[in-house]
Amino acid sequence: MPGVVIKRNTATETIESQGTTRHNYPMRALAGLLVFVAVAFGIYYFYLKKMPSTDQGTAPTQAISLTGVRGDLLQIAQAERGNIALNSKCATLDELISSGALTVSRRERDGYTYEVSCSGNDFQVIAQHPAAAPGSGIRYPKLTVDATMQVQEVQ
């Protein structure tokens, strides 16, 4: 047959093109990057969800302040316990500071004011914040500590 060319595959020829693997590499890299980002986001999200908070309904900066207030309360209560052991009587906050039993000279922290309430040899240290503006969504718990050295929130 003139004008017809017959092409036959021999053992050395292949029909499949070698260019397909070259096109798959960027897609594999993109898929790998997306999986990595999804796993990183999942770890980040669950890590932040499991972060301890000091009080329900408080902002992170407020939680830092509350931690400082709790530390101050414990320090004042420890000084009061020492004063009761030495003098057999409860002392006011001013007396603790002036006698040197309490090294903290401030009577407030971030709006919280401290007060020592005495009843014989029993005491209670109270930290309270003036009421927040209505509708602000910020909660300022009233905290107390006594001779048991347990900081508690009271209403």
Protein backbone atom coordinates (compact mmCIF):
# COMPACT_ATOMS: atom_id res chain seq x y z
CA MET A 1 0.00 0.00 0.00
CA PRO A 2 1.60 3.14 -1.08
CA GLY A 3 1.32 6.26 1.16
CA VAL A 4 0.46 4.36 4.38
CA VAL A 5 3.09 4.19 7.05
CA ILE A 6 2.76 1.46 9.60
CA LYS A 7 4.28 2.12 12.99
CA ARG A 8 5.01 -0.85 15.16
CA ASN A 9 6.22 -0.76 18.75
CA THR A 10 9.38 -2.57 19.37
CA ALA A 11 10.66 -3.83 22.69
CA THR A 12 12.74 -0.66 23.25
CA GLU A 13 9.89 1.81 22.75
CA THR A 14 7.27 2.67 25.38
CA ILE A 15 4.02 4.47 24.81
CA GLU A 16 3.87 6.15 28.26
CA SER A 17 5.44 9.56 28.49
CA GLN A 18 8.04 10.21 31.21
CA GLY A 19 6.78 13.76 31.83
CA THR A 20 4.01 12.83 34.33
CA THR A 21 6.29 12.51 37.38
CA ARG A 22 7.64 15.99 36.71
CA HIS A 23 4.11 17.43 37.01
CA ASN A 24 3.24 15.50 40.22
CA TYR A 25 6.08 16.88 42.35
CA PRO A 26 4.63 20.37 42.95
CA MET A 27 1.24 18.90 43.83
CA ARG A 28 2.82 16.48 46.30
CA ALA A 29 4.77 19.33 47.88
CA LEU A 30 1.60 21.43 48.16
CA ALA A 31 -0.35 18.55 49.71
CA GLY A 32 2.47 17.94 52.20
CA LEU A 33 2.55 21.62 53.11
CA LEU A 34 -1.22 21.66 53.67
CA VAL A 35 -1.04 18.60 55.93
CA PHE A 36 1.79 20.21 57.92
CA VAL A 37 -0.15 23.45 58.36
CA ALA A 38 -3.28 21.54 59.45
CA VAL A 39 -1.34 19.55 62.06
CA ALA A 40 0.47 22.68 63.32
CA PHE A 41 -2.84 24.55 63.63
CA GLY A 42 -4.39 21.62 65.50
CA ILE A 43 -1.53 21.50 67.99
CA TYR A 44 -1.66 25.28 68.47
CA TYR A 45 -5.45 25.30 68.93
CA PHE A 46 -5.57 22.46 71.46
CA TYR A 47 -2.54 23.77 73.34
CA LEU A 48 -4.24 27.13 73.88
CA LYS A 49 -7.52 25.48 74.82
CA LYS A 50 -5.78 23.46 77.54
CA MET A 51 -3.91 26.44 79.04
CA PRO A 52 -4.64 26.73 82.72
CA SER A 53 -6.58 29.76 83.77
CA THR A 54 -6.77 31.06 87.29
CA ASP A 55 -10.40 32.09 87.26
CA GLN A 56 -13.32 31.49 84.96
CA GLY A 57 -14.25 34.58 82.97
CA THR A 58 -11.01 36.52 83.40
CA ALA A 59 -8.77 37.93 80.71
CA PRO A 60 -5.16 36.66 80.47
CA THR A 61 -3.75 39.98 81.72
CA GLN A 62 -6.21 39.95 84.60
CA ALA A 63 -5.14 36.38 85.44
CA ILE A 64 -1.57 37.66 85.83
CA SER A 65 -2.78 40.34 88.25
CA LEU A 66 -4.81 37.79 90.22
CA THR A 67 -1.72 35.60 90.58
CA GLY A 68 0.16 38.56 92.05
CA VAL A 69 -2.74 39.35 94.39
CA ARG A 70 -2.80 35.74 95.60
CA GLY A 71 0.94 35.90 96.26
CA ASP A 72 0.53 39.14 98.23
CA LEU A 73 -2.31 37.63 100.27
CA LEU A 74 -0.17 34.62 101.19
CA GLN A 75 2.74 36.88 102.15
CA ILE A 76 0.50 39.04 104.36
CA ALA A 77 -1.05 35.93 105.98
CA GLN A 78 2.41 34.47 106.66
CA ALA A 79 3.49 37.72 108.32
CA GLU A 80 0.28 37.74 110.38
CA ARG A 81 0.87 34.16 111.53
CA GLY A 82 4.40 35.08 112.57
CA ASN A 83 3.14 38.15 114.43
CA ILE A 84 0.54 36.08 116.30
CA ALA A 85 3.22 33.54 117.26
CA LEU A 86 5.52 36.29 118.60
CA ASN A 87 3.07 38.75 120.14
CA SER A 88 -0.01 36.57 120.77
CA LYS A 89 -2.23 39.10 119.04
CA CYS A 90 -3.42 39.98 115.57
CA ALA A 91 -2.00 43.10 113.92
CA THR A 92 -3.34 45.44 111.27
CA LEU A 93 -1.70 45.78 107.89
CA ASP A 94 -0.07 49.08 108.90
CA GLU A 95 1.35 47.49 112.06
CA LEU A 96 2.80 44.59 110.05
CA ILE A 97 4.49 46.96 107.62
CA SER A 98 5.84 49.33 110.29
CA SER A 99 7.20 46.48 112.43
CA GLY A 100 9.08 45.00 109.49
CA ALA A 101 7.20 41.70 109.65
CA LEU A 102 5.91 42.36 106.14
CA THR A 103 8.44 43.30 103.49
CA VAL A 104 5.83 44.38 100.94
CA SER A 105 5.14 48.06 101.47
CA ARG A 106 2.25 48.43 99.04
CA ARG A 107 -1.29 48.13 100.22
CA GLU A 108 -2.73 47.53 96.76
CA ARG A 109 -2.04 45.86 93.41
CA ASP A 110 -3.74 46.68 90.11
CA GLY A 111 -6.78 48.18 91.84
CA TYR A 112 -7.08 45.46 94.51
CA THR A 113 -6.79 46.77 98.06
CA TYR A 114 -5.76 44.64 101.04
CA GLU A 115 -7.34 44.63 104.48
CA VAL A 116 -6.66 42.53 107.59
CA SER A 117 -9.66 41.63 109.73
CA CYS A 118 -8.82 40.46 113.26
CA SER A 119 -10.92 38.58 115.78
CA GLY A 120 -8.85 37.58 118.81
CA ASN A 121 -6.01 35.44 117.47
CA ASP A 122 -7.91 34.64 114.27
CA PHE A 123 -7.45 36.73 111.18
CA GLN A 124 -8.63 37.05 107.63
CA VAL A 125 -6.84 38.96 104.88
CA ILE A 126 -9.20 40.33 102.24
CA ALA A 127 -8.37 41.59 98.76
CA GLN A 128 -11.12 43.33 96.85
CA HIS A 129 -11.43 45.49 93.79
CA PRO A 130 -13.95 48.30 93.29
CA ALA A 131 -16.90 47.17 91.20
CA ALA A 132 -16.26 47.10 87.45
CA ALA A 133 -18.31 49.18 85.07
CA PRO A 134 -21.64 47.52 84.25
CA GLY A 135 -21.57 45.59 81.02
CA SER A 136 -17.77 45.63 80.77
CA GLY A 137 -17.60 41.84 81.03
CA ILE A 138 -14.66 42.03 83.43
CA ARG A 139 -14.99 40.09 86.66
CA TYR A 140 -13.03 41.07 89.77
CA PRO A 141 -13.36 38.32 92.39
CA LYS A 142 -13.02 39.09 96.08
CA LEU A 143 -10.24 36.93 97.54
CA THR A 144 -9.57 35.99 101.17
CA VAL A 145 -7.00 33.98 103.10
CA ASP A 146 -6.93 32.99 106.77
CA ALA A 147 -4.65 31.05 109.12
CA THR A 148 -5.14 27.90 107.02
CA MET A 149 -3.21 29.66 104.19
CA GLN A 150 -5.89 28.71 101.64
CA VAL A 151 -6.79 31.53 99.23
CA GLN A 152 -10.52 31.44 98.53
CA GLU A 153 -12.93 33.43 96.42
CA VAL A 154 -15.94 34.85 98.24
CA GLN A 155 -19.06 36.46 96.84
